[in-house]
PDB file of all heavy atoms in Angstrom:
ATOM      1  N   GLN A   1      42.684 -24.098  62.561  1.00  0.00           N
ATOM      2  CA  GLN A   1      42.196 -23.964  61.190  1.00  0.00           C
ATOM      3  C   GLN A   1      40.743 -24.408  61.016  1.00  0.00           C
ATOM      4  O   GLN A   1      40.259 -24.506  59.887  1.00  0.00           O
ATOM      5  CB  GLN A   1      43.096 -24.734  60.225  1.00  0.00           C
ATOM      6  CG  GLN A   1      44.484 -24.160  60.126  1.00  0.00           C
ATOM      7  CD  GLN A   1      44.477 -22.694  59.745  1.00  0.00           C
ATOM      8  OE1 GLN A   1      43.785 -22.273  58.839  1.00  0.00           O
ATOM      9  NE2 GLN A   1      45.253 -21.889  60.452  1.00  0.00           N
ATOM     10  N   MET A   2      40.024 -24.644  62.110  1.00  0.00           N
ATOM     11  CA  MET A   2      38.598 -24.952  62.014  1.00  0.00           C
ATOM     12  C   MET A   2      37.883 -23.749  61.413  1.00  0.00           C
ATOM     13  O   MET A   2      38.362 -22.615  61.499  1.00  0.00           O
ATOM     14  CB  MET A   2      38.028 -25.273  63.407  1.00  0.00           C
ATOM     15  CG  MET A   2      38.513 -26.599  63.973  1.00  0.00           C
ATOM     16  SD  MET A   2      38.019 -28.003  63.001  1.00  0.00           S
ATOM     17  CE  MET A   2      36.302 -28.095  63.422  1.00  0.00           C
ATOM     18  N   PRO A   3      36.714 -23.935  60.789  1.00  0.00           N
ATOM     19  CA  PRO A   3      36.039 -22.843  60.077  1.00  0.00           C
ATOM     20  C   PRO A   3      35.789 -21.622  60.956  1.00  0.00           C
ATOM     21  O   PRO A   3      35.377 -21.751  62.104  1.00  0.00           O
ATOM     22  CB  PRO A   3      34.710 -23.459  59.649  1.00  0.00           C
ATOM     23  CG  PRO A   3      34.903 -24.911  59.706  1.00  0.00           C
ATOM     24  CD  PRO A   3      35.952 -25.172  60.726  1.00  0.00           C
ATOM     25  N   ARG A   4      36.068 -20.452  60.407  1.00  0.00           N
ATOM     26  CA  ARG A   4      35.749 -19.183  61.065  1.00  0.00           C
ATOM     27  C   ARG A   4      34.938 -18.358  60.066  1.00  0.00           C
ATOM     28  O   ARG A   4      35.487 -17.770  59.136  1.00  0.00           O
ATOM     29  CB  ARG A   4      36.991 -18.428  61.484  1.00  0.00           C
ATOM     30  CG  ARG A   4      36.624 -17.077  62.133  1.00  0.00           C
ATOM     31  CD  ARG A   4      37.822 -16.316  62.606  1.00  0.00           C
ATOM     32  NE  ARG A   4      38.321 -16.939  63.824  1.00  0.00           N
ATOM     33  CZ  ARG A   4      39.446 -16.585  64.407  1.00  0.00           C
ATOM     34  NH1 ARG A   4      40.188 -15.650  63.893  1.00  0.00           N
ATOM     35  NH2 ARG A   4      39.842 -17.187  65.507  1.00  0.00           N
ATOM     36  N   LEU A   5      33.631 -18.335  60.270  1.00  0.00           N
ATOM     37  CA  LEU A   5      32.739 -17.632  59.356  1.00  0.00           C
ATOM     38  C   LEU A   5      32.519 -16.197  59.802  1.00  0.00           C
ATOM     39  O   LEU A   5      32.562 -15.887  60.986  1.00  0.00           O
ATOM     40  CB  LEU A   5      31.384 -18.338  59.279  1.00  0.00           C
ATOM     41  CG  LEU A   5      31.374 -19.748  58.710  1.00  0.00           C
ATOM     42  CD1 LEU A   5      29.949 -20.261  58.634  1.00  0.00           C
ATOM     43  CD2 LEU A   5      32.028 -19.796  57.354  1.00  0.00           C
ATOM     44  N   SER A   6      32.259 -15.364  58.825  1.00  0.00           N
ATOM     45  CA  SER A   6      31.841 -13.991  59.090  1.00  0.00           C
ATOM     46  C   SER A   6      30.974 -13.536  57.924  1.00  0.00           C
ATOM     47  O   SER A   6      31.125 -14.018  56.804  1.00  0.00           O
ATOM     48  CB  SER A   6      33.047 -13.054  59.247  1.00  0.00           C
ATOM     49  OG  SER A   6      33.786 -13.012  58.048  1.00  0.00           O
ATOM     50  N   ILE A   7      30.059 -12.643  58.230  1.00  0.00           N
ATOM     51  CA  ILE A   7      29.221 -12.069  57.182  1.00  0.00           C
ATOM     52  C   ILE A   7      29.957 -10.850  56.658  1.00  0.00           C
ATOM     53  O   ILE A   7      30.190  -9.896  57.386  1.00  0.00           O
ATOM     54  CB  ILE A   7      27.833 -11.698  57.722  1.00  0.00           C
ATOM     55  CG1 ILE A   7      27.130 -12.952  58.246  1.00  0.00           C
ATOM     56  CG2 ILE A   7      27.003 -11.029  56.640  1.00  0.00           C
ATOM     57  CD1 ILE A   7      25.817 -12.690  58.924  1.00  0.00           C
ATOM     58  N   GLY A   8      30.351 -10.925  55.400  1.00  0.00           N
ATOM     59  CA  GLY A   8      31.113  -9.842  54.783  1.00  0.00           C
ATOM     60  C   GLY A   8      30.198  -8.750  54.266  1.00  0.00           C
ATOM     61  O   GLY A   8      29.359  -8.218  54.988  1.00  0.00           O
ATOM     62  N   ALA A   9      30.318  -8.470  52.991  1.00  0.00           N
ATOM     63  CA  ALA A   9      29.550  -7.389  52.372  1.00  0.00           C
ATOM     64  C   ALA A   9      28.076  -7.766  52.256  1.00  0.00           C
ATOM     65  O   ALA A   9      27.727  -8.881  51.885  1.00  0.00           O
ATOM     66  CB  ALA A   9      30.109  -7.085  50.992  1.00  0.00           C
ATOM     67  N   VAL A  10      27.217  -6.806  52.612  1.00  0.00           N
ATOM     68  CA  VAL A  10      25.776  -6.916  52.390  1.00  0.00           C
ATOM     69  C   VAL A  10      25.408  -5.725  51.518  1.00  0.00           C
ATOM     70  O   VAL A  10      25.416  -4.593  51.967  1.00  0.00           O
ATOM     71  CB  VAL A  10      24.986  -6.897  53.717  1.00  0.00           C
ATOM     72  CG1 VAL A  10      23.495  -6.928  53.443  1.00  0.00           C
ATOM     73  CG2 VAL A  10      25.410  -8.043  54.615  1.00  0.00           C
ATOM     74  N   GLU A  11      25.108  -6.001  50.246  1.00  0.00           N
ATOM     75  CA  GLU A  11      24.821  -4.937  49.291  1.00  0.00           C
ATOM     76  C   GLU A  11      23.348  -4.980  48.908  1.00  0.00           C
ATOM     77  O   GLU A  11      22.794  -6.055  48.701  1.00  0.00           O
ATOM     78  CB  GLU A  11      25.683  -5.115  48.041  1.00  0.00           C
ATOM     79  CG  GLU A  11      27.170  -5.137  48.340  1.00  0.00           C
ATOM     80  CD  GLU A  11      27.982  -5.572  47.144  1.00  0.00           C
ATOM     81  OE1 GLU A  11      27.449  -5.577  46.021  1.00  0.00           O
ATOM     82  OE2 GLU A  11      29.154  -5.907  47.343  1.00  0.00           O
ATOM     83  N   THR A  12      22.733  -3.817  48.829  1.00  0.00           N
ATOM     84  CA  THR A  12      21.334  -3.739  48.414  1.00  0.00           C
ATOM     85  C   THR A  12      21.227  -2.888  47.154  1.00  0.00           C
ATOM     86  O   THR A  12      21.977  -1.926  46.973  1.00  0.00           O
ATOM     87  CB  THR A  12      20.444  -3.127  49.519  1.00  0.00           C
ATOM     88  OG1 THR A  12      20.933  -1.821  49.830  1.00  0.00           O
ATOM     89  CG2 THR A  12      20.445  -3.986  50.759  1.00  0.00           C
ATOM     90  N   GLU A  13      20.299  -3.262  46.295  1.00  0.00           N
ATOM     91  CA  GLU A  13      20.040  -2.513  45.066  1.00  0.00           C
ATOM     92  C   GLU A  13      18.533  -2.355  44.923  1.00  0.00           C
ATOM     93  O   GLU A  13      17.791  -3.335  44.982  1.00  0.00           O
ATOM     94  CB  GLU A  13      20.597  -3.269  43.861  1.00  0.00           C
ATOM     95  CG  GLU A  13      20.280  -2.615  42.543  1.00  0.00           C
ATOM     96  CD  GLU A  13      20.733  -3.458  41.352  1.00  0.00           C
ATOM     97  OE1 GLU A  13      21.602  -4.328  41.522  1.00  0.00           O
ATOM     98  OE2 GLU A  13      20.202  -3.225  40.258  1.00  0.00           O
ATOM     99  N   LYS A  14      18.099  -1.126  44.751  1.00  0.00           N
ATOM    100  CA  LYS A  14      16.666  -0.855  44.589  1.00  0.00           C
ATOM    101  C   LYS A  14      16.264  -1.206  43.167  1.00  0.00           C
ATOM    102  O   LYS A  14      16.838  -0.707  42.204  1.00  0.00           O
ATOM    103  CB  LYS A  14      16.368   0.603  44.903  1.00  0.00           C
ATOM    104  CG  LYS A  14      14.884   0.906  44.932  1.00  0.00           C
ATOM    105  CD  LYS A  14      14.636   2.297  45.450  1.00  0.00           C
ATOM    106  CE  LYS A  14      13.168   2.606  45.363  1.00  0.00           C
ATOM    107  NZ  LYS A  14      12.501   2.637  46.619  1.00  0.00           N
ATOM    108  N   LEU A  15      15.256  -2.077  43.042  1.00  0.00           N
ATOM    109  CA  LEU A  15      14.781  -2.507  41.727  1.00  0.00           C
ATOM    110  C   LEU A  15      13.562  -1.726  41.275  1.00  0.00           C
ATOM    111  O   LEU A  15      13.356  -1.524  40.098  1.00  0.00           O
ATOM    112  CB  LEU A  15      14.448  -4.006  41.743  1.00  0.00           C
ATOM    113  CG  LEU A  15      15.606  -4.937  42.057  1.00  0.00           C
ATOM    114  CD1 LEU A  15      15.117  -6.362  42.162  1.00  0.00           C
ATOM    115  CD2 LEU A  15      16.686  -4.813  41.006  1.00  0.00           C
ATOM    116  N   GLY A  16      12.742  -1.338  42.224  1.00  0.00           N
ATOM    117  CA  GLY A  16      11.522  -0.623  41.893  1.00  0.00           C
ATOM    118  C   GLY A  16      10.871  -0.141  43.170  1.00  0.00           C
ATOM    119  O   GLY A  16      11.517  -0.042  44.208  1.00  0.00           O
ATOM    120  N   ASP A  17       9.590   0.141  43.091  1.00  0.00           N
ATOM    121  CA  ASP A  17       8.851   0.647  44.246  1.00  0.00           C
ATOM    122  C   ASP A  17       8.719  -0.440  45.305  1.00  0.00           C
ATOM    123  O   ASP A  17       7.909  -1.353  45.172  1.00  0.00           O
ATOM    124  CB  ASP A  17       7.474   1.139  43.796  1.00  0.00           C
ATOM    125  CG  ASP A  17       6.779   1.896  44.908  1.00  0.00           C
ATOM    126  OD1 ASP A  17       7.471   2.573  45.691  1.00  0.00           O
ATOM    127  OD2 ASP A  17       5.535   1.802  44.987  1.00  0.00           O
ATOM    128  N   GLY A  18       9.527  -0.357  46.355  1.00  0.00           N
ATOM    129  CA  GLY A  18       9.466  -1.319  47.453  1.00  0.00           C
ATOM    130  C   GLY A  18      10.074  -2.666  47.139  1.00  0.00           C
ATOM    131  O   GLY A  18       9.902  -3.622  47.882  1.00  0.00           O
ATOM    132  N   LEU A  19      10.832  -2.779  46.040  1.00  0.00           N
ATOM    133  CA  LEU A  19      11.444  -4.034  45.623  1.00  0.00           C
ATOM    134  C   LEU A  19      12.963  -3.872  45.629  1.00  0.00           C
ATOM    135  O   LEU A  19      13.482  -2.908  45.072  1.00  0.00           O
ATOM    136  CB  LEU A  19      10.948  -4.393  44.219  1.00  0.00           C
ATOM    137  CG  LEU A  19      11.138  -5.825  43.747  1.00  0.00           C
ATOM    138  CD1 LEU A  19      10.394  -6.793  44.648  1.00  0.00           C
ATOM    139  CD2 LEU A  19      10.657  -5.960  42.327  1.00  0.00           C
ATOM    140  N   TYR A  20      13.655  -4.815  46.285  1.00  0.00           N
ATOM    141  CA  TYR A  20      15.108  -4.716  46.445  1.00  0.00           C
ATOM    142  C   TYR A  20      15.771  -6.042  46.143  1.00  0.00           C
ATOM    143  O   TYR A  20      15.184  -7.099  46.323  1.00  0.00           O
ATOM    144  CB  TYR A  20      15.469  -4.311  47.882  1.00  0.00           C
ATOM    145  CG  TYR A  20      14.983  -2.951  48.271  1.00  0.00           C
ATOM    146  CD1 TYR A  20      13.707  -2.777  48.811  1.00  0.00           C
ATOM    147  CD2 TYR A  20      15.790  -1.836  48.124  1.00  0.00           C
ATOM    148  CE1 TYR A  20      13.253  -1.527  49.182  1.00  0.00           C
ATOM    149  CE2 TYR A  20      15.344  -0.579  48.497  1.00  0.00           C
ATOM    150  CZ  TYR A  20      14.082  -0.430  49.020  1.00  0.00           C
ATOM    151  OH  TYR A  20      13.637   0.810  49.381  1.00  0.00           O
ATOM    152  N   LYS A  21      17.030  -5.940  45.728  1.00  0.00           N
ATOM    153  CA  LYS A  21      17.896  -7.103  45.564  1.00  0.00           C
ATOM    154  C   LYS A  21      18.985  -6.985  46.633  1.00  0.00           C
ATOM    155  O   LYS A  21      19.615  -5.936  46.766  1.00  0.00           O
ATOM    156  CB  LYS A  21      18.511  -7.114  44.173  1.00  0.00           C
ATOM    157  CG  LYS A  21      19.224  -8.393  43.824  1.00  0.00           C
ATOM    158  CD  LYS A  21      19.845  -8.316  42.445  1.00  0.00           C
ATOM    159  CE  LYS A  21      18.788  -8.350  41.374  1.00  0.00           C
ATOM    160  NZ  LYS A  21      19.380  -8.471  40.026  1.00  0.00           N
ATOM    161  N   VAL A  22      19.199  -8.046  47.404  1.00  0.00           N
ATOM    162  CA  VAL A  22      20.183  -8.044  48.482  1.00  0.00           C
ATOM    163  C   VAL A  22      21.200  -9.141  48.210  1.00  0.00           C
ATOM    164  O   VAL A  22      20.827 -10.302  48.022  1.00  0.00           O
ATOM    165  CB  VAL A  22      19.514  -8.277  49.863  1.00  0.00           C
ATOM    166  CG1 VAL A  22      20.551  -8.289  50.965  1.00  0.00           C
ATOM    167  CG2 VAL A  22      18.448  -7.232  50.127  1.00  0.00           C
ATOM    168  N   TRP A  23      22.496  -8.781  48.177  1.00  0.00           N
ATOM    169  CA  TRP A  23      23.571  -9.749  48.036  1.00  0.00           C
ATOM    170  C   TRP A  23      24.288  -9.865  49.367  1.00  0.00           C
ATOM    171  O   TRP A  23      24.645  -8.864  49.984  1.00  0.00           O
ATOM    172  CB  TRP A  23      24.591  -9.312  46.988  1.00  0.00           C
ATOM    173  CG  TRP A  23      24.108  -9.405  45.583  1.00  0.00           C
ATOM    174  CD1 TRP A  23      23.928 -10.530  44.846  1.00  0.00           C
ATOM    175  CD2 TRP A  23      23.757  -8.313  44.747  1.00  0.00           C
ATOM    176  NE1 TRP A  23      23.489 -10.202  43.597  1.00  0.00           N
ATOM    177  CE2 TRP A  23      23.366  -8.850  43.513  1.00  0.00           C
ATOM    178  CE3 TRP A  23      23.720  -6.929  44.922  1.00  0.00           C
ATOM    179  CZ2 TRP A  23      22.962  -8.060  42.455  1.00  0.00           C
ATOM    180  CZ3 TRP A  23      23.308  -6.147  43.878  1.00  0.00           C
ATOM    181  CH2 TRP A  23      22.934  -6.711  42.660  1.00  0.00           C
ATOM    182  N   VAL A  24      24.520 -11.105  49.784  1.00  0.00           N
ATOM    183  CA  VAL A  24      25.200 -11.376  51.051  1.00  0.00           C
ATOM    184  C   VAL A  24      26.427 -12.235  50.758  1.00  0.00           C
ATOM    185  O   VAL A  24      26.336 -13.227  50.034  1.00  0.00           O
ATOM    186  CB  VAL A  24      24.267 -12.122  52.032  1.00  0.00           C
ATOM    187  CG1 VAL A  24      24.972 -12.372  53.350  1.00  0.00           C
ATOM    188  CG2 VAL A  24      22.980 -11.358  52.232  1.00  0.00           C
ATOM    189  N   THR A  25      27.562 -11.845  51.322  1.00  0.00           N
ATOM    190  CA  THR A  25      28.795 -12.613  51.186  1.00  0.00           C
ATOM    191  C   THR A  25      29.145 -13.223  52.540  1.00  0.00           C
ATOM    192  O   THR A  25      29.239 -12.504  53.532  1.00  0.00           O
ATOM    193  CB  THR A  25      29.948 -11.718  50.703  1.00  0.00           C
ATOM    194  OG1 THR A  25      29.572 -11.106  49.467  1.00  0.00           O
ATOM    195  CG2 THR A  25      31.220 -12.515  50.513  1.00  0.00           C
ATOM    196  N   ILE A  26      29.334 -14.539  52.563  1.00  0.00           N
ATOM    197  CA  ILE A  26      29.730 -15.244  53.782  1.00  0.00           C
ATOM    198  C   ILE A  26      31.151 -15.729  53.562  1.00  0.00           C
ATOM    199  O   ILE A  26      31.439 -16.462  52.609  1.00  0.00           O
ATOM    200  CB  ILE A  26      28.798 -16.439  54.093  1.00  0.00           C
ATOM    201  CG1 ILE A  26      27.353 -15.958  54.229  1.00  0.00           C
ATOM    202  CG2 ILE A  26      29.228 -17.137  55.363  1.00  0.00           C
ATOM    203  CD1 ILE A  26      26.544 -16.148  53.016  1.00  0.00           C
ATOM    204  N   GLU A  27      32.052 -15.319  54.437  1.00  0.00           N
ATOM    205  CA  GLU A  27      33.471 -15.621  54.266  1.00  0.00           C
ATOM    206  C   GLU A  27      33.939 -16.639  55.294  1.00  0.00           C
ATOM    207  O   GLU A  27      33.548 -16.585  56.455  1.00  0.00           O
ATOM    208  CB  GLU A  27      34.287 -14.335  54.421  1.00  0.00           C
ATOM    209  CG  GLU A  27      33.906 -13.278  53.411  1.00  0.00           C
ATOM    210  CD  GLU A  27      34.489 -11.917  53.727  1.00  0.00           C
ATOM    211  OE1 GLU A  27      34.932 -11.698  54.874  1.00  0.00           O
ATOM    212  OE2 GLU A  27      34.486 -11.057  52.833  1.00  0.00           O
ATOM    213  N   ASN A  28      34.784 -17.566  54.840  1.00  0.00           N
ATOM    214  CA  ASN A  28      35.444 -18.526  55.727  1.00  0.00           C
ATOM    215  C   ASN A  28      36.937 -18.226  55.666  1.00  0.00           C
ATOM    216  O   ASN A  28      37.582 -18.458  54.652  1.00  0.00           O
ATOM    217  CB  ASN A  28      35.160 -19.961  55.276  1.00  0.00           C
ATOM    218  CG  ASN A  28      35.774 -20.998  56.199  1.00  0.00           C
ATOM    219  OD1 ASN A  28      36.407 -20.667  57.186  1.00  0.00           O
ATOM    220  ND2 ASN A  28      35.580 -22.257  55.862  1.00  0.00           N
ATOM    221  N   SER A  29      37.478 -17.702  56.744  1.00  0.00           N
ATOM    222  CA  SER A  29      38.876 -17.262  56.752  1.00  0.00           C
ATOM    223  C   SER A  29      39.852 -18.340  57.223  1.00  0.00           C
ATOM    224  O   SER A  29      41.020 -18.043  57.453  1.00  0.00           O
ATOM    225  CB  SER A  29      39.020 -16.023  57.625  1.00  0.00           C
ATOM    226  OG  SER A  29      38.683 -16.326  58.963  1.00  0.00           O
ATOM    227  N   ARG A  30      39.392 -19.557  57.368  1.00  0.00           N
ATOM    228  CA  ARG A  30      40.271 -20.660  57.773  1.00  0.00           C
ATOM    229  C   ARG A  30      40.366 -21.713  56.666  1.00  0.00           C
ATOM    230  O   ARG A  30      39.601 -21.681  55.701  1.00  0.00           O
ATOM    231  CB  ARG A  30      39.755 -21.308  59.056  1.00  0.00           C
ATOM    232  CG  ARG A  30      39.708 -20.372  60.229  1.00  0.00           C
ATOM    233  CD  ARG A  30      41.088 -19.953  60.633  1.00  0.00           C
ATOM    234  NE  ARG A  30      41.004 -19.265  61.925  1.00  0.00           N
ATOM    235  CZ  ARG A  30      41.899 -18.436  62.358  1.00  0.00           C
ATOM    236  NH1 ARG A  30      42.944 -18.167  61.636  1.00  0.00           N
ATOM    237  NH2 ARG A  30      41.767 -17.855  63.521  1.00  0.00           N
ATOM    238  N   LEU A  31      41.268 -22.680  56.826  1.00  0.00           N
ATOM    239  CA  LEU A  31      41.521 -23.687  55.794  1.00  0.00           C
ATOM    240  C   LEU A  31      40.439 -24.763  55.704  1.00  0.00           C
ATOM    241  O   LEU A  31      40.143 -25.259  54.622  1.00  0.00           O
ATOM    242  CB  LEU A  31      42.866 -24.368  56.051  1.00  0.00           C
ATOM    243  CG  LEU A  31      44.098 -23.542  55.744  1.00  0.00           C
ATOM    244  CD1 LEU A  31      45.359 -24.286  56.174  1.00  0.00           C
ATOM    245  CD2 LEU A  31      44.173 -23.211  54.274  1.00  0.00           C
TER     246      LEU A  31
END
């Protein structure tokens, strides 16, 4: 049950010319 991390969803949203918003989800699947 030691931590097991993984990078889940990485979502990008274009805000404007060359400007982006990036959301990153880090998941721990252990207790």
